[in-house]
Amino acid sequence: MPPKSRTYQPQKVRAALAAQSESLRAVVHGLTADQLERPTRLGTWRVRELLTHLSLALGHLAAAVGTPAPDGPVLSLAGYAELSGTMAAAVDSAVTEHAATGFAGPPAEVAAAFDRSLDAVRAVLDRPAGAEREPTAVVVGRRMLLTDYLVTRLVEAVVHADDLADALGLDTFPHDRQALAAVTRMLADAFADRVPGGAVELRIPPYAVVQAVPGPKHTRGTPPNVVETDPLTWIRLATGRMPWAAAVADHAVAASGERSDLGEYLPVLG
């Protein structure tokens, strides 16, 4: 099983989000008018709407840390993963509205609007980290530890960078290694939290190993049910970008044992 509450090092998370954001900025500044109109794998969204969503998701950081924290328990990363599926309609509405205004222009205007969001992100990331206690952020009316909230922004930045690469026909995206690691671990932990157990060992080298799925738990040696895949394939599975059966058929996943079919438990994020 994963730790009940995995901790992330604040400075590493901040550096990863800064680096991943700059990789996105570089790609956005090279887009053409035709590329902005390309379809994505996200329903009716074009690249233009995808960038709008990224801008809103990352740019919300400033508001999240500037809102007074409400009373009540701290929202965990696993709790955030559970809530994510309830946000889809609101997210789509906000993107549609904002895309028609701030992101409706030519490539230079879109890049400038994207810059404004990333500059706001950098302004937050460049603030000194809290020395005495972990600062909090406010999301969906709940408070989160700031570092955990930054991990959710890494999820947005990594997952949607992969969506962007797919839409543009790029073989790969220059993800920051620490960003990829944090997102892989967060989604693996969220999976283990949602489907608790010890029957299956999920391996995502070199970043994560968790045990999950109800059933007999192994105690030593090689477990009877093992699933192994690479980080990007796991991220696509966990976020619904790739069906389980397709990943197995393409040999992107190695699964052995009678309980190793994880298809019924995916995706992790709605």
Protein backbone atom coordinates (compact mmCIF):
# COMPACT_ATOMS: atom_id res chain seq x y z
CA MET A 1 0.00 0.00 0.00
CA PRO A 2 1.18 3.59 -0.55
CA PRO A 3 1.77 5.86 2.41
CA LYS A 4 -1.49 7.12 3.88
CA SER A 5 -0.37 10.65 3.12
CA ARG A 6 2.57 10.96 0.77
CA THR A 7 4.41 14.23 1.25
CA TYR A 8 5.98 16.29 -1.52
CA GLN A 9 8.94 18.59 -1.06
CA PRO A 10 7.70 22.17 -1.55
CA GLN A 11 10.77 23.46 -3.36
CA LYS A 12 10.84 20.51 -5.78
CA VAL A 13 7.15 20.91 -6.56
CA ARG A 14 7.55 24.65 -7.14
CA ALA A 15 10.55 24.10 -9.41
CA ALA A 16 8.72 21.38 -11.34
CA LEU A 17 5.66 23.56 -11.93
CA ALA A 18 7.84 26.46 -13.03
CA ALA A 19 9.77 24.27 -15.49
CA GLN A 20 6.67 22.53 -16.87
CA SER A 21 4.96 25.91 -17.32
CA GLU A 22 7.91 27.26 -19.27
CA SER A 23 7.88 24.21 -21.54
CA LEU A 24 4.23 24.92 -22.27
CA ARG A 25 4.96 28.58 -22.89
CA ALA A 26 7.61 27.71 -25.48
CA VAL A 27 5.21 25.47 -27.40
CA VAL A 28 2.35 28.00 -27.27
CA HIS A 29 4.58 30.74 -28.67
CA GLY A 30 5.30 28.58 -31.71
CA LEU A 31 1.68 27.83 -32.64
CA THR A 32 0.18 28.89 -35.95
CA ALA A 33 -3.37 29.98 -36.69
CA ASP A 34 -4.12 26.58 -38.26
CA GLN A 35 -2.80 24.73 -35.22
CA LEU A 36 -5.06 26.71 -32.89
CA GLU A 37 -8.06 25.32 -34.78
CA ARG A 38 -6.97 21.67 -34.63
CA PRO A 39 -9.31 19.27 -32.81
CA THR A 40 -8.19 17.63 -29.57
CA ARG A 41 -9.14 14.35 -27.93
CA LEU A 42 -11.22 16.36 -25.43
CA GLY A 43 -14.65 16.35 -27.03
CA THR A 44 -15.44 19.55 -28.92
CA TRP A 45 -12.38 21.43 -27.67
CA ARG A 46 -9.92 22.70 -30.24
CA VAL A 47 -6.36 23.59 -29.32
CA ARG A 48 -7.71 27.09 -28.64
CA GLU A 49 -10.08 25.79 -25.93
CA LEU A 50 -7.39 23.51 -24.53
CA LEU A 51 -5.08 26.49 -24.05
CA THR A 52 -7.94 28.44 -22.51
CA HIS A 53 -8.45 25.69 -19.96
CA LEU A 54 -4.75 25.48 -19.18
CA SER A 55 -4.62 29.23 -18.73
CA LEU A 56 -7.57 29.18 -16.33
CA ALA A 57 -6.37 26.12 -14.42
CA LEU A 58 -2.86 27.46 -13.88
CA GLY A 59 -3.87 31.08 -13.50
CA HIS A 60 -6.30 30.18 -10.73
CA LEU A 61 -3.31 29.61 -8.47
CA ALA A 62 -3.11 33.29 -7.55
CA ALA A 63 -6.76 33.39 -6.51
CA ALA A 64 -6.47 30.10 -4.63
CA VAL A 65 -3.67 31.37 -2.41
CA GLY A 66 -5.25 34.81 -2.01
CA THR A 67 -8.60 33.60 -0.66
CA PRO A 68 -9.09 33.35 3.11
CA ALA A 69 -9.05 29.67 4.09
CA PRO A 70 -12.38 28.37 5.44
CA ASP A 71 -12.68 26.31 8.57
CA GLY A 72 -12.92 22.55 8.31
CA PRO A 73 -10.69 19.61 7.46
CA VAL A 74 -7.89 19.90 4.95
CA LEU A 75 -8.69 18.42 1.54
CA SER A 76 -6.21 15.68 0.65
CA LEU A 77 -4.95 14.86 -2.82
CA ALA A 78 -7.05 11.68 -2.79
CA GLY A 79 -10.06 13.79 -1.83
CA TYR A 80 -9.32 16.19 -4.65
CA ALA A 81 -9.19 13.27 -7.09
CA GLU A 82 -12.65 12.20 -5.94
CA LEU A 83 -14.03 15.72 -6.44
CA SER A 84 -12.51 16.18 -9.89
CA GLY A 85 -15.27 14.30 -11.65
CA THR A 86 -17.89 16.72 -10.32
CA MET A 87 -16.22 19.75 -11.90
CA ALA A 88 -16.51 18.84 -15.60
CA ALA A 89 -19.64 20.83 -16.44
CA ALA A 90 -18.45 23.97 -14.67
CA VAL A 91 -15.02 23.71 -16.30
CA ASP A 92 -16.48 23.32 -19.78
CA SER A 93 -18.78 26.32 -19.28
CA ALA A 94 -15.92 28.52 -18.07
CA VAL A 95 -13.69 27.47 -20.95
CA THR A 96 -16.37 28.13 -23.57
CA GLU A 97 -17.02 31.60 -22.17
CA HIS A 98 -13.37 32.56 -21.79
CA ALA A 99 -12.27 31.15 -25.15
CA ALA A 100 -14.68 33.50 -26.91
CA THR A 101 -13.01 36.52 -25.34
CA GLY A 102 -9.42 36.23 -24.13
CA PHE A 103 -8.42 33.44 -26.51
CA ALA A 104 -10.37 34.26 -29.64
CA GLY A 105 -7.65 36.20 -31.45
CA PRO A 106 -4.63 35.35 -33.62
CA PRO A 107 -1.62 33.37 -32.31
CA ALA A 108 0.22 36.40 -30.92
CA GLU A 109 -2.80 37.43 -28.83
CA VAL A 110 -3.35 33.88 -27.61
CA ALA A 111 0.32 33.65 -26.59
CA ALA A 112 0.08 36.98 -24.78
CA ALA A 113 -3.03 35.84 -22.87
CA PHE A 114 -1.27 32.59 -21.96
CA ASP A 115 1.77 34.57 -20.81
CA ARG A 116 -0.34 36.59 -18.41
CA SER A 117 -1.55 33.43 -16.68
CA LEU A 118 1.93 31.92 -16.48
CA ASP A 119 3.39 35.18 -15.19
CA ALA A 120 0.81 35.10 -12.39
CA VAL A 121 1.87 31.53 -11.62
CA ARG A 122 5.51 32.52 -11.44
CA ALA A 123 4.68 35.41 -9.12
CA VAL A 124 3.21 32.91 -6.64
CA LEU A 125 5.97 30.34 -7.07
CA ASP A 126 8.66 32.96 -6.49
CA ARG A 127 7.27 33.89 -3.09
CA PRO A 128 9.23 32.43 -0.17
CA ALA A 129 7.82 29.12 1.03
CA GLY A 130 6.31 29.19 4.52
CA ALA A 131 9.00 28.44 7.05
CA GLU A 132 6.86 27.80 10.14
CA ARG A 133 3.89 25.97 8.67
CA GLU A 134 2.65 24.93 5.29
CA PRO A 135 0.51 27.67 3.68
CA THR A 136 -2.91 26.73 2.35
CA ALA A 137 -4.84 27.26 -0.84
CA VAL A 138 -8.59 27.27 -1.36
CA VAL A 139 -10.17 25.04 -4.01
CA VAL A 140 -13.86 24.19 -4.46
CA GLY A 141 -14.56 25.89 -1.14
CA ARG A 142 -12.12 23.68 0.75
CA ARG A 143 -8.62 24.34 1.98
CA MET A 144 -5.61 22.34 0.83
CA LEU A 145 -2.00 22.44 1.80
CA LEU A 146 -0.36 24.69 -0.76
CA THR A 147 2.16 22.08 -1.88
CA ASP A 148 -0.65 19.57 -2.46
CA TYR A 149 -2.56 22.15 -4.47
CA LEU A 150 0.56 22.79 -6.55
CA VAL A 151 0.66 19.06 -7.27
CA THR A 152 -2.87 19.35 -8.70
CA ARG A 153 -1.61 22.16 -10.94
CA LEU A 154 1.19 19.83 -12.06
CA VAL A 155 -1.50 17.32 -13.01
CA GLU A 156 -3.16 19.97 -15.18
CA ALA A 157 0.14 21.03 -16.74
CA VAL A 158 1.36 17.50 -17.51
CA VAL A 159 -1.92 15.93 -18.61
CA HIS A 160 -2.88 18.81 -20.88
CA ALA A 161 0.63 19.14 -22.28
CA ASP A 162 0.18 15.54 -23.40
CA ASP A 163 -3.22 16.48 -24.89
CA LEU A 164 -1.54 19.34 -26.72
CA ALA A 165 1.22 17.09 -28.08
CA ASP A 166 -1.42 14.66 -29.33
CA ALA A 167 -3.39 17.42 -31.08
CA LEU A 168 -0.25 18.82 -32.72
CA GLY A 169 1.01 15.41 -33.81
CA LEU A 170 4.17 15.66 -31.70
CA ASP A 171 5.97 12.43 -30.86
CA THR A 172 6.69 13.70 -27.37
CA PHE A 173 6.46 16.75 -25.14
CA PRO A 174 9.43 18.08 -23.14
CA HIS A 175 7.92 17.32 -19.73
CA ASP A 176 9.89 18.28 -16.68
CA ARG A 177 11.10 15.05 -15.05
CA GLN A 178 10.07 16.04 -11.54
CA ALA A 179 6.65 17.11 -12.82
CA LEU A 180 6.15 13.75 -14.51
CA ALA A 181 7.25 11.95 -11.35
CA ALA A 182 4.90 13.89 -9.06
CA VAL A 183 1.88 13.38 -11.33
CA THR A 184 2.61 9.66 -11.73
CA ARG A 185 2.82 9.22 -7.96
CA MET A 186 -0.25 11.30 -7.22
CA LEU A 187 -2.40 9.30 -9.67
CA ALA A 188 -1.01 5.97 -8.45
CA ASP A 189 -1.77 6.90 -4.83
CA ALA A 190 -5.26 8.09 -5.79
CA PHE A 191 -5.87 4.75 -7.52
CA ALA A 192 -4.73 2.79 -4.46
CA ASP A 193 -6.93 4.97 -2.25
CA ARG A 194 -9.97 4.43 -4.47
CA VAL A 195 -9.45 0.67 -4.90
CA PRO A 196 -7.82 -0.37 -1.63
CA GLY A 197 -6.33 -3.80 -1.22
CA GLY A 198 -3.19 -5.82 -1.71
CA ALA A 199 -4.05 -8.24 -4.50
CA VAL A 200 -2.34 -6.32 -7.31
CA GLU A 201 1.02 -4.60 -7.43
CA LEU A 202 1.01 -1.65 -9.82
CA ARG A 203 4.50 -0.73 -10.96
CA ILE A 204 5.27 2.47 -12.85
CA PRO A 205 9.05 2.63 -13.01
CA PRO A 206 10.99 4.61 -12.11
CA TYR A 207 8.48 6.65 -10.09
CA ALA A 208 5.88 4.59 -8.26
CA VAL A 209 4.86 1.20 -6.89
CA VAL A 210 1.54 0.72 -5.08
CA GLN A 211 -0.63 -2.19 -4.03
CA ALA A 212 -4.35 -2.07 -4.68
CA VAL A 213 -7.50 -4.10 -5.50
CA PRO A 214 -9.34 -6.28 -2.97
CA GLY A 215 -8.31 -9.92 -2.67
CA PRO A 216 -5.63 -12.14 -1.22
CA LYS A 217 -2.52 -10.18 -0.31
CA HIS A 218 0.92 -11.55 -1.09
CA THR A 219 3.46 -11.51 1.72
CA ARG A 220 6.76 -12.38 0.08
CA GLY A 221 8.38 -12.93 -3.28
CA THR A 222 6.80 -12.01 -6.58
CA PRO A 223 3.13 -11.09 -6.19
CA PRO A 224 0.65 -13.21 -8.19
CA ASN A 225 -0.92 -10.17 -9.87
CA VAL A 226 1.38 -7.54 -11.37
CA VAL A 227 0.65 -4.59 -13.66
CA GLU A 228 3.57 -2.62 -15.08
CA THR A 229 3.59 0.33 -17.43
CA ASP A 230 5.46 3.54 -18.18
CA PRO A 231 4.58 6.92 -16.64
CA LEU A 232 2.86 8.50 -19.65
CA THR A 233 0.78 5.40 -20.35
CA TRP A 234 -0.29 5.32 -16.70
CA ILE A 235 -1.22 9.01 -16.79
CA ARG A 236 -3.30 8.43 -19.93
CA LEU A 237 -5.04 5.43 -18.36
CA ALA A 238 -5.67 7.22 -15.08
CA THR A 239 -7.20 10.25 -16.81
CA GLY A 240 -9.28 8.40 -19.38
CA ARG A 241 -7.13 9.30 -22.37
CA MET A 242 -6.41 5.65 -23.18
CA PRO A 243 -8.74 2.65 -22.71
CA TRP A 244 -7.31 -0.22 -20.68
CA ALA A 245 -7.97 -2.80 -23.43
CA ALA A 246 -6.18 -0.67 -26.02
CA ALA A 247 -3.15 -0.22 -23.78
CA VAL A 248 -2.90 -3.97 -23.22
CA ALA A 249 -3.40 -4.72 -26.93
CA ASP A 250 -0.66 -2.24 -27.84
CA HIS A 251 1.67 -3.86 -25.27
CA ALA A 252 1.91 -0.54 -23.43
CA VAL A 253 0.86 -2.42 -20.29
CA ALA A 254 2.14 -5.76 -19.01
CA ALA A 255 -0.49 -7.44 -16.84
CA SER A 256 -0.20 -10.89 -15.26
CA GLY A 257 -2.53 -12.71 -12.88
CA GLU A 258 -6.27 -13.28 -12.73
CA ARG A 259 -6.91 -10.01 -10.87
CA SER A 260 -4.65 -7.82 -13.00
CA ASP A 261 -7.38 -6.39 -15.28
CA LEU A 262 -7.73 -2.84 -13.98
CA GLY A 263 -10.13 -1.66 -16.66
CA GLU A 264 -13.19 -1.59 -14.39
CA TYR A 265 -11.41 0.72 -11.93
CA LEU A 266 -10.24 3.35 -14.42
CA PRO A 267 -10.06 6.26 -14.94
CA VAL A 268 -8.96 7.71 -11.62
CA LEU A 269 -9.78 11.32 -12.58
CA GLY A 270 -13.08 12.03 -14.27
